[in-house]
Amino acid sequence: MSEAERSAWLAFKSVCTHLLGNKKAKNYEDLVGGMVKCFRVIGCNMSLKLHVLDSHLNFFPQNFGPISDVHGERFHQDISMFEKRFSGRWNRSILAEYCWSVIRGTQSDADKRKRLKKSF
């Protein structure tokens, strides 16, 4: 492992420990920024998840302990729905549409339940 790859790995571990753990560090913005810089040095492209992490840090709660894996599954279901809607082509529109759906709080088709009984 080269020195640049090692520093990227350590930066990733630091973000996982100090941001995505049970307590958010005070310097979490610096940690994420350093991780993104290390990834650029080794030539990694920014994935959608990393872009959301880097661009929308204010959406993350102070404590990730009580948050379950259901949220991660919902993200994958939402993204697959957007992939189908955009015919599998990734562009800026799909990212913008996903971000606006999160901000609006709309539910994906996978999250909607059918009612068992009708009410009047």
PDB file of N, CA and C in Angstrom:
ATOM      1  N   MET A   1       0.856  -1.173   0.000  1.00  0.00           N
ATOM      2  CA  MET A   1       0.000   0.000   0.000  1.00  0.00           C
ATOM      3  C   MET A   1       0.896   1.229   0.000  1.00  0.00           C
ATOM      4  N   SER A   2       0.602   2.145  -0.908  1.00  0.00           N
ATOM      5  CA  SER A   2       1.407   3.367  -0.989  1.00  0.00           C
ATOM      6  C   SER A   2       1.035   4.313   0.157  1.00  0.00           C
ATOM      7  N   GLU A   3       1.844   5.340   0.320  1.00  0.00           N
ATOM      8  CA  GLU A   3       1.597   6.311   1.394  1.00  0.00           C
ATOM      9  C   GLU A   3       0.275   7.059   1.175  1.00  0.00           C
ATOM     10  N   ALA A   4      -0.033   7.389  -0.089  1.00  0.00           N
ATOM     11  CA  ALA A   4      -1.283   8.090  -0.395  1.00  0.00           C
ATOM     12  C   ALA A   4      -2.487   7.196  -0.102  1.00  0.00           C
ATOM     13  N   GLU A   5      -2.403   5.918  -0.450  1.00  0.00           N
ATOM     14  CA  GLU A   5      -3.501   4.984  -0.164  1.00  0.00           C
ATOM     15  C   GLU A   5      -3.668   4.793   1.335  1.00  0.00           C
ATOM     16  N   ARG A   6      -2.538   4.738   2.048  1.00  0.00           N
ATOM     17  CA  ARG A   6      -2.603   4.585   3.505  1.00  0.00           C
ATOM     18  C   ARG A   6      -3.264   5.798   4.154  1.00  0.00           C
ATOM     19  N   SER A   7      -2.910   6.991   3.707  1.00  0.00           N
ATOM     20  CA  SER A   7      -3.524   8.195   4.291  1.00  0.00           C
ATOM     21  C   SER A   7      -5.014   8.267   3.954  1.00  0.00           C
ATOM     22  N   ALA A   8      -5.409   7.810   2.748  1.00  0.00           N
ATOM     23  CA  ALA A   8      -6.832   7.778   2.398  1.00  0.00           C
ATOM     24  C   ALA A   8      -7.575   6.787   3.287  1.00  0.00           C
ATOM     25  N   TRP A   9      -6.959   5.641   3.550  1.00  0.00           N
ATOM     26  CA  TRP A   9      -7.582   4.644   4.419  1.00  0.00           C
ATOM     27  C   TRP A   9      -7.742   5.180   5.836  1.00  0.00           C
ATOM     28  N   LEU A  10      -6.708   5.824   6.355  1.00  0.00           N
ATOM     29  CA  LEU A  10      -6.787   6.380   7.710  1.00  0.00           C
ATOM     30  C   LEU A  10      -7.817   7.500   7.790  1.00  0.00           C
ATOM     31  N   ALA A  11      -7.922   8.305   6.739  1.00  0.00           N
ATOM     32  CA  ALA A  11      -8.939   9.369   6.716  1.00  0.00           C
ATOM     33  C   ALA A  11     -10.335   8.762   6.699  1.00  0.00           C
ATOM     34  N   PHE A  12     -10.521   7.692   5.931  1.00  0.00           N
ATOM     35  CA  PHE A  12     -11.818   7.008   5.890  1.00  0.00           C
ATOM     36  C   PHE A  12     -12.176   6.444   7.259  1.00  0.00           C
ATOM     37  N   LYS A  13     -11.208   5.794   7.908  1.00  0.00           N
ATOM     38  CA  LYS A  13     -11.460   5.248   9.244  1.00  0.00           C
ATOM     39  C   LYS A  13     -11.804   6.348  10.240  1.00  0.00           C
ATOM     40  N   SER A  14     -11.145   7.489  10.099  1.00  0.00           N
ATOM     41  CA  SER A  14     -11.404   8.606  10.999  1.00  0.00           C
ATOM     42  C   SER A  14     -12.827   9.139  10.818  1.00  0.00           C
ATOM     43  N   VAL A  15     -13.281   9.250   9.566  1.00  0.00           N
ATOM     44  CA  VAL A  15     -14.655   9.705   9.309  1.00  0.00           C
ATOM     45  C   VAL A  15     -15.652   8.698   9.866  1.00  0.00           C
ATOM     46  N   CYS A  16     -15.396   7.418   9.662  1.00  0.00           N
ATOM     47  CA  CYS A  16     -16.310   6.385  10.176  1.00  0.00           C
ATOM     48  C   CYS A  16     -16.405   6.441  11.687  1.00  0.00           C
ATOM     49  N   THR A  17     -15.284   6.654  12.337  1.00  0.00           N
ATOM     50  CA  THR A  17     -15.255   6.662  13.802  1.00  0.00           C
ATOM     51  C   THR A  17     -15.840   7.940  14.387  1.00  0.00           C
ATOM     52  N   HIS A  18     -15.454   9.094  13.818  1.00  0.00           N
ATOM     53  CA  HIS A  18     -15.787  10.368  14.445  1.00  0.00           C
ATOM     54  C   HIS A  18     -17.016  11.072  13.870  1.00  0.00           C
ATOM     55  N   LEU A  19     -17.576  10.575  12.782  1.00  0.00           N
ATOM     56  CA  LEU A  19     -18.798  11.180  12.245  1.00  0.00           C
ATOM     57  C   LEU A  19     -19.938  10.179  12.222  1.00  0.00           C
ATOM     58  N   LEU A  20     -19.676   8.988  11.729  1.00  0.00           N
ATOM     59  CA  LEU A  20     -20.743   8.013  11.558  1.00  0.00           C
ATOM     60  C   LEU A  20     -20.943   7.132  12.783  1.00  0.00           C
ATOM     61  N   GLY A  21     -20.215   7.375  13.851  1.00  0.00           N
ATOM     62  CA  GLY A  21     -20.356   6.607  15.080  1.00  0.00           C
ATOM     63  C   GLY A  21     -21.459   7.156  15.963  1.00  0.00           C
ATOM     64  N   ASN A  22     -21.336   6.888  17.255  1.00  0.00           N
ATOM     65  CA  ASN A  22     -22.369   7.328  18.192  1.00  0.00           C
ATOM     66  C   ASN A  22     -22.267   8.795  18.563  1.00  0.00           C
ATOM     67  N   LYS A  23     -21.139   9.431  18.296  1.00  0.00           N
ATOM     68  CA  LYS A  23     -20.971  10.832  18.644  1.00  0.00           C
ATOM     69  C   LYS A  23     -20.273  11.557  17.506  1.00  0.00           C
ATOM     70  N   LYS A  24     -20.810  12.695  17.107  1.00  0.00           N
ATOM     71  CA  LYS A  24     -20.221  13.482  16.018  1.00  0.00           C
ATOM     72  C   LYS A  24     -19.132  14.385  16.587  1.00  0.00           C
ATOM     73  N   ALA A  25     -17.940  14.321  15.983  1.00  0.00           N
ATOM     74  CA  ALA A  25     -16.823  15.154  16.420  1.00  0.00           C
ATOM     75  C   ALA A  25     -17.070  16.613  16.039  1.00  0.00           C
ATOM     76  N   LYS A  26     -16.444  17.517  16.765  1.00  0.00           N
ATOM     77  CA  LYS A  26     -16.618  18.936  16.471  1.00  0.00           C
ATOM     78  C   LYS A  26     -15.975  19.321  15.144  1.00  0.00           C
ATOM     79  N   ASN A  27     -14.936  18.618  14.747  1.00  0.00           N
ATOM     80  CA  ASN A  27     -14.233  18.943  13.505  1.00  0.00           C
ATOM     81  C   ASN A  27     -14.624  17.998  12.367  1.00  0.00           C
ATOM     82  N   TYR A  28     -15.885  17.553  12.345  1.00  0.00           N
ATOM     83  CA  TYR A  28     -16.320  16.575  11.351  1.00  0.00           C
ATOM     84  C   TYR A  28     -16.205  17.116   9.925  1.00  0.00           C
ATOM     85  N   GLU A  29     -16.400  18.423   9.728  1.00  0.00           N
ATOM     86  CA  GLU A  29     -16.278  18.997   8.381  1.00  0.00           C
ATOM     87  C   GLU A  29     -14.846  18.884   7.873  1.00  0.00           C
ATOM     88  N   ASP A  30     -13.875  19.128   8.765  1.00  0.00           N
ATOM     89  CA  ASP A  30     -12.467  18.987   8.383  1.00  0.00           C
ATOM     90  C   ASP A  30     -12.122  17.538   8.075  1.00  0.00           C
ATOM     91  N   LEU A  31     -12.694  16.610   8.844  1.00  0.00           N
ATOM     92  CA  LEU A  31     -12.432  15.185   8.619  1.00  0.00           C
ATOM     93  C   LEU A  31     -12.935  14.744   7.245  1.00  0.00           C
ATOM     94  N   VAL A  32     -14.153  15.147   6.902  1.00  0.00           N
ATOM     95  CA  VAL A  32     -14.719  14.765   5.603  1.00  0.00           C
ATOM     96  C   VAL A  32     -13.945  15.448   4.471  1.00  0.00           C
ATOM     97  N   GLY A  33     -13.616  16.720   4.638  1.00  0.00           N
ATOM     98  CA  GLY A  33     -12.834  17.424   3.617  1.00  0.00           C
ATOM     99  C   GLY A  33     -11.472  16.781   3.392  1.00  0.00           C
ATOM    100  N   GLY A  34     -10.815  16.373   4.478  1.00  0.00           N
ATOM    101  CA  GLY A  34      -9.529  15.691   4.355  1.00  0.00           C
ATOM    102  C   GLY A  34      -9.650  14.353   3.665  1.00  0.00           C
ATOM    103  N   MET A  35     -10.738  13.637   3.947  1.00  0.00           N
ATOM    104  CA  MET A  35     -10.956  12.345   3.297  1.00  0.00           C
ATOM    105  C   MET A  35     -11.159  12.524   1.794  1.00  0.00           C
ATOM    106  N   VAL A  36     -11.947  13.517   1.411  1.00  0.00           N
ATOM    107  CA  VAL A  36     -12.200  13.767  -0.007  1.00  0.00           C
ATOM    108  C   VAL A  36     -10.900  14.143  -0.716  1.00  0.00           C
ATOM    109  N   LYS A  37     -10.061  14.963  -0.073  1.00  0.00           N
ATOM    110  CA  LYS A  37      -8.772  15.331  -0.664  1.00  0.00           C
ATOM    111  C   LYS A  37      -7.873  14.111  -0.849  1.00  0.00           C
ATOM    112  N   CYS A  38      -7.837  13.233   0.148  1.00  0.00           N
ATOM    113  CA  CYS A  38      -7.022  12.019   0.048  1.00  0.00           C
ATOM    114  C   CYS A  38      -7.521  11.116  -1.078  1.00  0.00           C
ATOM    115  N   PHE A  39      -8.835  11.033  -1.234  1.00  0.00           N
ATOM    116  CA  PHE A  39      -9.379  10.211  -2.321  1.00  0.00           C
ATOM    117  C   PHE A  39      -9.029  10.797  -3.681  1.00  0.00           C
ATOM    118  N   ARG A  40      -9.038  12.122  -3.785  1.00  0.00           N
ATOM    119  CA  ARG A  40      -8.664  12.759  -5.062  1.00  0.00           C
ATOM    120  C   ARG A  40      -7.202  12.478  -5.409  1.00  0.00           C
ATOM    121  N   VAL A  41      -6.338  12.472  -4.385  1.00  0.00           N
ATOM    122  CA  VAL A  41      -4.915  12.231  -4.613  1.00  0.00           C
ATOM    123  C   VAL A  41      -4.683  10.846  -5.218  1.00  0.00           C
ATOM    124  N   ILE A  42      -5.424   9.856  -4.746  1.00  0.00           N
ATOM    125  CA  ILE A  42      -5.210   8.506  -5.277  1.00  0.00           C
ATOM    126  C   ILE A  42      -6.048   8.244  -6.521  1.00  0.00           C
ATOM    127  N   GLY A  43      -6.813   9.240  -6.967  1.00  0.00           N
ATOM    128  CA  GLY A  43      -7.536   9.124  -8.230  1.00  0.00           C
ATOM    129  C   GLY A  43      -8.903   8.481  -8.141  1.00  0.00           C
ATOM    130  N   CYS A  44      -9.524   8.498  -6.972  1.00  0.00           N
ATOM    131  CA  CYS A  44     -10.871   7.931  -6.820  1.00  0.00           C
ATOM    132  C   CYS A  44     -11.910   8.934  -7.292  1.00  0.00           C
ATOM    133  N   ASN A  45     -12.865   8.444  -8.042  1.00  0.00           N
ATOM    134  CA  ASN A  45     -14.001   9.281  -8.427  1.00  0.00           C
ATOM    135  C   ASN A  45     -14.975   9.352  -7.269  1.00  0.00           C
ATOM    136  N   MET A  46     -15.695  10.452  -7.180  1.00  0.00           N
ATOM    137  CA  MET A  46     -16.639  10.630  -6.095  1.00  0.00           C
ATOM    138  C   MET A  46     -17.942   9.907  -6.425  1.00  0.00           C
ATOM    139  N   SER A  47     -18.320   8.951  -5.588  1.00  0.00           N
ATOM    140  CA  SER A  47     -19.578   8.239  -5.779  1.00  0.00           C
ATOM    141  C   SER A  47     -20.730   9.106  -5.283  1.00  0.00           C
ATOM    142  N   LEU A  48     -21.942   8.655  -5.552  1.00  0.00           N
ATOM    143  CA  LEU A  48     -23.123   9.391  -5.112  1.00  0.00           C
ATOM    144  C   LEU A  48     -23.165   9.488  -3.588  1.00  0.00           C
ATOM    145  N   LYS A  49     -22.843   8.397  -2.918  1.00  0.00           N
ATOM    146  CA  LYS A  49     -22.872   8.409  -1.450  1.00  0.00           C
ATOM    147  C   LYS A  49     -21.846   9.378  -0.881  1.00  0.00           C
ATOM    148  N   LEU A  50     -20.662   9.400  -1.455  1.00  0.00           N
ATOM    149  CA  LEU A  50     -19.633  10.307  -0.979  1.00  0.00           C
ATOM    150  C   LEU A  50     -20.006  11.757  -1.279  1.00  0.00           C
ATOM    151  N   HIS A  51     -20.646  11.996  -2.411  1.00  0.00           N
ATOM    152  CA  HIS A  51     -21.101  13.351  -2.733  1.00  0.00           C
ATOM    153  C   HIS A  51     -22.148  13.822  -1.717  1.00  0.00           C
ATOM    154  N   VAL A  52     -23.084  12.948  -1.381  1.00  0.00           N
ATOM    155  CA  VAL A  52     -24.113  13.310  -0.399  1.00  0.00           C
ATOM    156  C   VAL A  52     -23.457  13.599   0.949  1.00  0.00           C
ATOM    157  N   LEU A  53     -22.480  12.766   1.331  1.00  0.00           N
ATOM    158  CA  LEU A  53     -21.778  12.992   2.590  1.00  0.00           C
ATOM    159  C   LEU A  53     -21.043  14.320   2.574  1.00  0.00           C
ATOM    160  N   ASP A  54     -20.351  14.608   1.484  1.00  0.00           N
ATOM    161  CA  ASP A  54     -19.543  15.817   1.399  1.00  0.00           C
ATOM    162  C   ASP A  54     -20.397  17.080   1.284  1.00  0.00           C
ATOM    163  N   SER A  55     -21.479  17.022   0.540  1.00  0.00           N
ATOM    164  CA  SER A  55     -22.260  18.224   0.252  1.00  0.00           C
ATOM    165  C   SER A  55     -23.370  18.519   1.251  1.00  0.00           C
ATOM    166  N   HIS A  56     -23.799  17.530   1.985  1.00  0.00           N
ATOM    167  CA  HIS A  56     -24.971  17.712   2.847  1.00  0.00           C
ATOM    168  C   HIS A  56     -24.686  17.289   4.283  1.00  0.00           C
ATOM    169  N   LEU A  57     -23.589  17.776   4.828  1.00  0.00           N
ATOM    170  CA  LEU A  57     -23.212  17.408   6.196  1.00  0.00           C
ATOM    171  C   LEU A  57     -24.212  17.909   7.228  1.00  0.00           C
ATOM    172  N   ASN A  58     -24.926  18.973   6.918  1.00  0.00           N
ATOM    173  CA  ASN A  58     -25.869  19.529   7.893  1.00  0.00           C
ATOM    174  C   ASN A  58     -27.094  18.645   8.096  1.00  0.00           C
ATOM    175  N   PHE A  59     -27.321  17.648   7.212  1.00  0.00           N
ATOM    176  CA  PHE A  59     -28.456  16.743   7.378  1.00  0.00           C
ATOM    177  C   PHE A  59     -28.191  15.644   8.404  1.00  0.00           C
ATOM    178  N   PHE A  60     -26.928  15.429   8.749  1.00  0.00           N
ATOM    179  CA  PHE A  60     -26.582  14.318   9.626  1.00  0.00           C
ATOM    180  C   PHE A  60     -26.854  14.671  11.078  1.00  0.00           C
ATOM    181  N   PRO A  61     -27.469  13.744  11.817  1.00  0.00           N
ATOM    182  CA  PRO A  61     -27.770  14.013  13.225  1.00  0.00           C
ATOM    183  C   PRO A  61     -26.508  13.959  14.086  1.00  0.00           C
ATOM    184  N   GLN A  62     -26.625  14.396  15.332  1.00  0.00           N
ATOM    185  CA  GLN A  62     -25.496  14.379  16.259  1.00  0.00           C
ATOM    186  C   GLN A  62     -25.120  12.961  16.672  1.00  0.00           C
ATOM    187  N   ASN A  63     -26.097  12.053  16.680  1.00  0.00           N
ATOM    188  CA  ASN A  63     -25.865  10.700  17.170  1.00  0.00           C
ATOM    189  C   ASN A  63     -26.462   9.704  16.192  1.00  0.00           C
ATOM    190  N   PHE A  64     -25.632   8.843  15.635  1.00  0.00           N
ATOM    191  CA  PHE A  64     -26.116   7.829  14.706  1.00  0.00           C
ATOM    192  C   PHE A  64     -26.491   6.527  15.398  1.00  0.00           C
ATOM    193  N   GLY A  65     -26.308   6.443  16.708  1.00  0.00           N
ATOM    194  CA  GLY A  65     -26.573   5.207  17.431  1.00  0.00           C
ATOM    195  C   GLY A  65     -27.984   4.677  17.251  1.00  0.00           C
ATOM    196  N   PRO A  66     -29.024   5.500  17.431  1.00  0.00           N
ATOM    197  CA  PRO A  66     -30.378   4.967  17.334  1.00  0.00           C
ATOM    198  C   PRO A  66     -30.878   4.750  15.900  1.00  0.00           C
ATOM    199  N   ILE A  67     -30.098   5.153  14.906  1.00  0.00           N
ATOM    200  CA  ILE A  67     -30.551   5.008  13.517  1.00  0.00           C
ATOM    201  C   ILE A  67     -30.238   3.606  13.034  1.00  0.00           C
ATOM    202  N   SER A  68     -31.228   2.950  12.477  1.00  0.00           N
ATOM    203  CA  SER A  68     -31.057   1.557  12.075  1.00  0.00           C
ATOM    204  C   SER A  68     -30.650   1.432  10.617  1.00  0.00           C
ATOM    205  N   ASP A  69     -30.452   0.195  10.182  1.00  0.00           N
ATOM    206  CA  ASP A  69     -30.072  -0.085   8.799  1.00  0.00           C
ATOM    207  C   ASP A  69     -31.221   0.143   7.827  1.00  0.00           C
ATOM    208  N   VAL A  70     -32.411   0.389   8.335  1.00  0.00           N
ATOM    209  CA  VAL A  70     -33.566   0.621   7.465  1.00  0.00           C
ATOM    210  C   VAL A  70     -33.329   1.838   6.586  1.00  0.00           C
ATOM    211  N   HIS A  71     -32.666   2.859   7.126  1.00  0.00           N
ATOM    212  CA  HIS A  71     -32.405   4.071   6.354  1.00  0.00           C
ATOM    213  C   HIS A  71     -31.477   3.787   5.175  1.00  0.00           C
ATOM    214  N   GLY A  72     -30.466   2.939   5.401  1.00  0.00           N
ATOM    215  CA  GLY A  72     -29.576   2.564   4.307  1.00  0.00           C
ATOM    216  C   GLY A  72     -30.309   1.784   3.234  1.00  0.00           C
ATOM    217  N   GLU A  73     -31.190   0.890   3.665  1.00  0.00           N
ATOM    218  CA  GLU A  73     -31.981   0.132   2.699  1.00  0.00           C
ATOM    219  C   GLU A  73     -32.906   1.053   1.913  1.00  0.00           C
ATOM    220  N   ARG A  74     -33.481   2.037   2.592  1.00  0.00           N
ATOM    221  CA  ARG A  74     -34.362   2.974   1.904  1.00  0.00           C
ATOM    222  C   ARG A  74     -33.588   3.753   0.850  1.00  0.00           C
ATOM    223  N   PHE A  75     -32.348   4.161   1.181  1.00  0.00           N
ATOM    224  CA  PHE A  75     -31.517   4.871   0.218  1.00  0.00           C
ATOM    225  C   PHE A  75     -31.322   4.028  -1.033  1.00  0.00           C
ATOM    226  N   HIS A  76     -30.995   2.757  -0.852  1.00  0.00           N
ATOM    227  CA  HIS A  76     -30.766   1.890  -2.010  1.00  0.00           C
ATOM    228  C   HIS A  76     -32.050   1.692  -2.822  1.00  0.00           C
ATOM    229  N   GLN A  77     -33.184   1.585  -2.142  1.00  0.00           N
ATOM    230  CA  GLN A  77     -34.458   1.434  -2.845  1.00  0.00           C
ATOM    231  C   GLN A  77     -34.790   2.708  -3.624  1.00  0.00           C
ATOM    232  N   ASP A  78     -34.573   3.855  -3.004  1.00  0.00           N
ATOM    233  CA  ASP A  78     -34.841   5.122  -3.683  1.00  0.00           C
ATOM    234  C   ASP A  78     -33.947   5.293  -4.901  1.00  0.00           C
ATOM    235  N   ILE A  79     -32.668   4.994  -4.739  1.00  0.00           N
ATOM    236  CA  ILE A  79     -31.738   5.150  -5.855  1.00  0.00           C
ATOM    237  C   ILE A  79     -32.098   4.206  -6.992  1.00  0.00           C
ATOM    238  N   SER A  80     -32.503   2.967  -6.671  1.00  0.00           N
ATOM    239  CA  SER A  80     -32.879   2.042  -7.747  1.00  0.00           C
ATOM    240  C   SER A  80     -34.126   2.545  -8.478  1.00  0.00           C
ATOM    241  N   MET A  81     -35.059   3.172  -7.739  1.00  0.00           N
ATOM    242  CA  MET A  81     -36.237   3.742  -8.373  1.00  0.00           C
ATOM    243  C   MET A  81     -35.840   4.879  -9.321  1.00  0.00           C
ATOM    244  N   PHE A  82     -34.899   5.736  -8.897  1.00  0.00           N
ATOM    245  CA  PHE A  82     -34.442   6.822  -9.765  1.00  0.00           C
ATOM    246  C   PHE A  82     -33.680   6.286 -10.966  1.00  0.00           C
ATOM    247  N   GLU A  83     -32.916   5.207 -10.774  1.00  0.00           N
ATOM    248  CA  GLU A  83     -32.214   4.605 -11.907  1.00  0.00           C
ATOM    249  C   GLU A  83     -33.204   4.116 -12.954  1.00  0.00           C
ATOM    250  N   LYS A  84     -34.297   3.505 -12.500  1.00  0.00           N
ATOM    251  CA  LYS A  84     -35.317   3.044 -13.444  1.00  0.00           C
ATOM    252  C   LYS A  84     -35.974   4.227 -14.145  1.00  0.00           C
ATOM    253  N   ARG A  85     -36.251   5.286 -13.385  1.00  0.00           N
ATOM    254  CA  ARG A  85     -36.903   6.460 -13.960  1.00  0.00           C
ATOM    255  C   ARG A  85     -36.020   7.127 -15.013  1.00  0.00           C
ATOM    256  N   PHE A  86     -34.714   7.138 -14.775  1.00  0.00           N
ATOM    257  CA  PHE A  86     -33.791   7.773 -15.712  1.00  0.00           C
ATOM    258  C   PHE A  86     -33.162   6.756 -16.657  1.00  0.00           C
ATOM    259  N   SER A  87     -33.753   5.599 -16.780  1.00  0.00           N
ATOM    260  CA  SER A  87     -33.322   4.540 -17.703  1.00  0.00           C
ATOM    261  C   SER A  87     -31.871   4.130 -17.502  1.00  0.00           C
ATOM    262  N   GLY A  88     -31.420   4.105 -16.265  1.00  0.00           N
ATOM    263  CA  GLY A  88     -30.071   3.648 -15.964  1.00  0.00           C
ATOM    264  C   GLY A  88     -28.961   4.611 -16.310  1.00  0.00           C
ATOM    265  N   ARG A  89     -29.277   5.801 -16.801  1.00  0.00           N
ATOM    266  CA  ARG A  89     -28.251   6.792 -17.147  1.00  0.00           C
ATOM    267  C   ARG A  89     -28.020   7.727 -15.969  1.00  0.00           C
ATOM    268  N   TRP A  90     -26.779   7.857 -15.572  1.00  0.00           N
ATOM    269  CA  TRP A  90     -26.431   8.744 -14.469  1.00  0.00           C
ATOM    270  C   TRP A  90     -26.043  10.110 -15.018  1.00  0.00           C
ATOM    271  N   ASN A  91     -26.660  11.126 -14.485  1.00  0.00           N
ATOM    272  CA  ASN A  91     -26.287  12.495 -14.837  1.00  0.00           C
ATOM    273  C   ASN A  91     -26.645  13.411 -13.671  1.00  0.00           C
ATOM    274  N   ARG A  92     -26.479  14.700 -13.860  1.00  0.00           N
ATOM    275  CA  ARG A  92     -26.760  15.652 -12.780  1.00  0.00           C
ATOM    276  C   ARG A  92     -28.223  15.653 -12.381  1.00  0.00           C
ATOM    277  N   SER A  93     -29.093  15.368 -13.322  1.00  0.00           N
ATOM    278  CA  SER A  93     -30.526  15.426 -13.039  1.00  0.00           C
ATOM    279  C   SER A  93     -30.947  14.385 -12.004  1.00  0.00           C
ATOM    280  N   ILE A  94     -30.374  13.199 -12.082  1.00  0.00           N
ATOM    281  CA  ILE A  94     -30.766  12.156 -11.134  1.00  0.00           C
ATOM    282  C   ILE A  94     -30.333  12.531  -9.726  1.00  0.00           C
ATOM    283  N   LEU A  95     -29.149  13.115  -9.584  1.00  0.00           N
ATOM    284  CA  LEU A  95     -28.675  13.538  -8.273  1.00  0.00           C
ATOM    285  C   LEU A  95     -29.529  14.672  -7.729  1.00  0.00           C
ATOM    286  N   ALA A  96     -29.842  15.641  -8.562  1.00  0.00           N
ATOM    287  CA  ALA A  96     -30.680  16.755  -8.127  1.00  0.00           C
ATOM    288  C   ALA A  96     -32.077  16.274  -7.736  1.00  0.00           C
ATOM    289  N   GLU A  97     -32.635  15.377  -8.534  1.00  0.00           N
ATOM    290  CA  GLU A  97     -33.968  14.846  -8.231  1.00  0.00           C
ATOM    291  C   GLU A  97     -33.974  14.093  -6.901  1.00  0.00           C
ATOM    292  N   TYR A  98     -32.928  13.311  -6.656  1.00  0.00           N
ATOM    293  CA  TYR A  98     -32.860  12.576  -5.389  1.00  0.00           C
ATOM    294  C   TYR A  98     -32.741  13.544  -4.211  1.00  0.00           C
ATOM    295  N   CYS A  99     -31.862  14.542  -4.336  1.00  0.00           N
ATOM    296  CA  CYS A  99     -31.683  15.502  -3.235  1.00  0.00           C
ATOM    297  C   CYS A  99     -32.978  16.257  -2.941  1.00  0.00           C
ATOM    298  N   TRP A 100     -33.706  16.664  -3.977  1.00  0.00           N
ATOM    299  CA  TRP A 100     -34.962  17.367  -3.751  1.00  0.00           C
ATOM    300  C   TRP A 100     -36.014  16.453  -3.142  1.00  0.00           C
ATOM    301  N   SER A 101     -35.992  15.175  -3.501  1.00  0.00           N
ATOM    302  CA  SER A 101     -36.969  14.269  -2.897  1.00  0.00           C
ATOM    303  C   SER A 101     -36.679  14.079  -1.410  1.00  0.00           C
ATOM    304  N   VAL A 102     -35.402  14.091  -1.030  1.00  0.00           N
ATOM    305  CA  VAL A 102     -35.044  13.981   0.386  1.00  0.00           C
ATOM    306  C   VAL A 102     -35.465  15.231   1.131  1.00  0.00           C
ATOM    307  N   ILE A 103     -35.221  16.389   0.528  1.00  0.00           N
ATOM    308  CA  ILE A 103     -35.589  17.650   1.174  1.00  0.00           C
ATOM    309  C   ILE A 103     -37.104  17.761   1.330  1.00  0.00           C
ATOM    310  N   ARG A 104     -37.839  17.376   0.282  1.00  0.00           N
ATOM    311  CA  ARG A 104     -39.309  17.438   0.345  1.00  0.00           C
ATOM    312  C   ARG A 104     -39.881  16.372   1.263  1.00  0.00           C
ATOM    313  N   GLY A 105     -39.132  15.300   1.467  1.00  0.00           N
ATOM    314  CA  GLY A 105     -39.622  14.232   2.330  1.00  0.00           C
ATOM    315  C   GLY A 105     -40.625  13.334   1.652  1.00  0.00           C
ATOM    316  N   THR A 106     -40.559  13.235   0.332  1.00  0.00           N
ATOM    317  CA  THR A 106     -41.488  12.375  -0.373  1.00  0.00           C
ATOM    318  C   THR A 106     -41.118  10.927  -0.162  1.00  0.00           C
ATOM    319  N   GLN A 107     -42.115  10.083  -0.223  1.00  0.00           N
ATOM    320  CA  GLN A 107     -41.874   8.664  -0.072  1.00  0.00           C
ATOM    321  C   GLN A 107     -41.667   8.029  -1.431  1.00  0.00           C
ATOM    322  N   SER A 108     -40.827   7.014  -1.451  1.00  0.00           N
ATOM    323  CA  SER A 108     -40.650   6.265  -2.692  1.00  0.00           C
ATOM    324  C   SER A 108     -41.784   5.254  -2.809  1.00  0.00           C
ATOM    325  N   ASP A 109     -41.936   4.680  -3.981  1.00  0.00           N
ATOM    326  CA  ASP A 109     -42.978   3.685  -4.188  1.00  0.00           C
ATOM    327  C   ASP A 109     -42.763   2.462  -3.293  1.00  0.00           C
ATOM    328  N   ALA A 110     -41.524   2.163  -2.974  1.00  0.00           N
ATOM    329  CA  ALA A 110     -41.223   1.002  -2.138  1.00  0.00           C
ATOM    330  C   ALA A 110     -41.688   1.215  -0.696  1.00  0.00           C
ATOM    331  N   ASP A 111     -41.754   2.471  -0.244  1.00  0.00           N
ATOM    332  CA  ASP A 111     -42.138   2.746   1.137  1.00  0.00           C
ATOM    333  C   ASP A 111     -43.647   2.851   1.338  1.00  0.00           C
ATOM    334  N   LYS A 112     -44.398   2.986   0.277  1.00  0.00           N
ATOM    335  CA  LYS A 112     -45.843   3.158   0.410  1.00  0.00           C
ATOM    336  C   LYS A 112     -46.506   1.820   0.669  1.00  0.00           C
ATOM    337  N   ARG A 113     -47.400   1.818   1.639  1.00  0.00           N
ATOM    338  CA  ARG A 113     -48.129   0.594   1.964  1.00  0.00           C
ATOM    339  C   ARG A 113     -49.543   0.691   1.443  1.00  0.00           C
ATOM    340  N   LYS A 114     -50.077  -0.443   1.093  1.00  0.00           N
ATOM    341  CA  LYS A 114     -51.475  -0.481   0.689  1.00  0.00           C
ATOM    342  C   LYS A 114     -52.323  -0.630   1.940  1.00  0.00           C
ATOM    343  N   ARG A 115     -53.415   0.073   1.964  1.00  0.00           N
ATOM    344  CA  ARG A 115     -54.306  -0.035   3.110  1.00  0.00           C
ATOM    345  C   ARG A 115     -55.067  -1.339   3.058  1.00  0.00           C
ATOM    346  N   LEU A 116     -55.227  -1.948   4.218  1.00  0.00           N
ATOM    347  CA  LEU A 116     -55.956  -3.202   4.286  1.00  0.00           C
ATOM    348  C   LEU A 116     -57.456  -2.978   4.384  1.00  0.00           C
ATOM    349  N   LYS A 117     -57.849  -1.911   5.038  1.00  0.00           N
ATOM    350  CA  LYS A 117     -59.277  -1.628   5.115  1.00  0.00           C
ATOM    351  C   LYS A 117     -59.538  -0.207   4.664  1.00  0.00           C
ATOM    352  N   LYS A 118     -60.711  -0.014   4.149  1.00  0.00           N
ATOM    353  CA  LYS A 118     -61.081   1.295   3.635  1.00  0.00           C
ATOM    354  C   LYS A 118     -61.755   2.103   4.729  1.00  0.00           C
ATOM    355  N   SER A 119     -61.479   3.384   4.749  1.00  0.00           N
ATOM    356  CA  SER A 119     -62.136   4.253   5.726  1.00  0.00           C
ATOM    357  C   SER A 119     -62.897   5.336   4.979  1.00  0.00           C
ATOM    358  N   PHE A 120     -63.996   5.751   5.584  1.00  0.00           N
ATOM    359  CA  PHE A 120     -64.841   6.764   4.960  1.00  0.00           C
ATOM    360  C   PHE A 120     -64.918   7.989   5.812  1.00  0.00           C
TER     361      PHE A 120
END
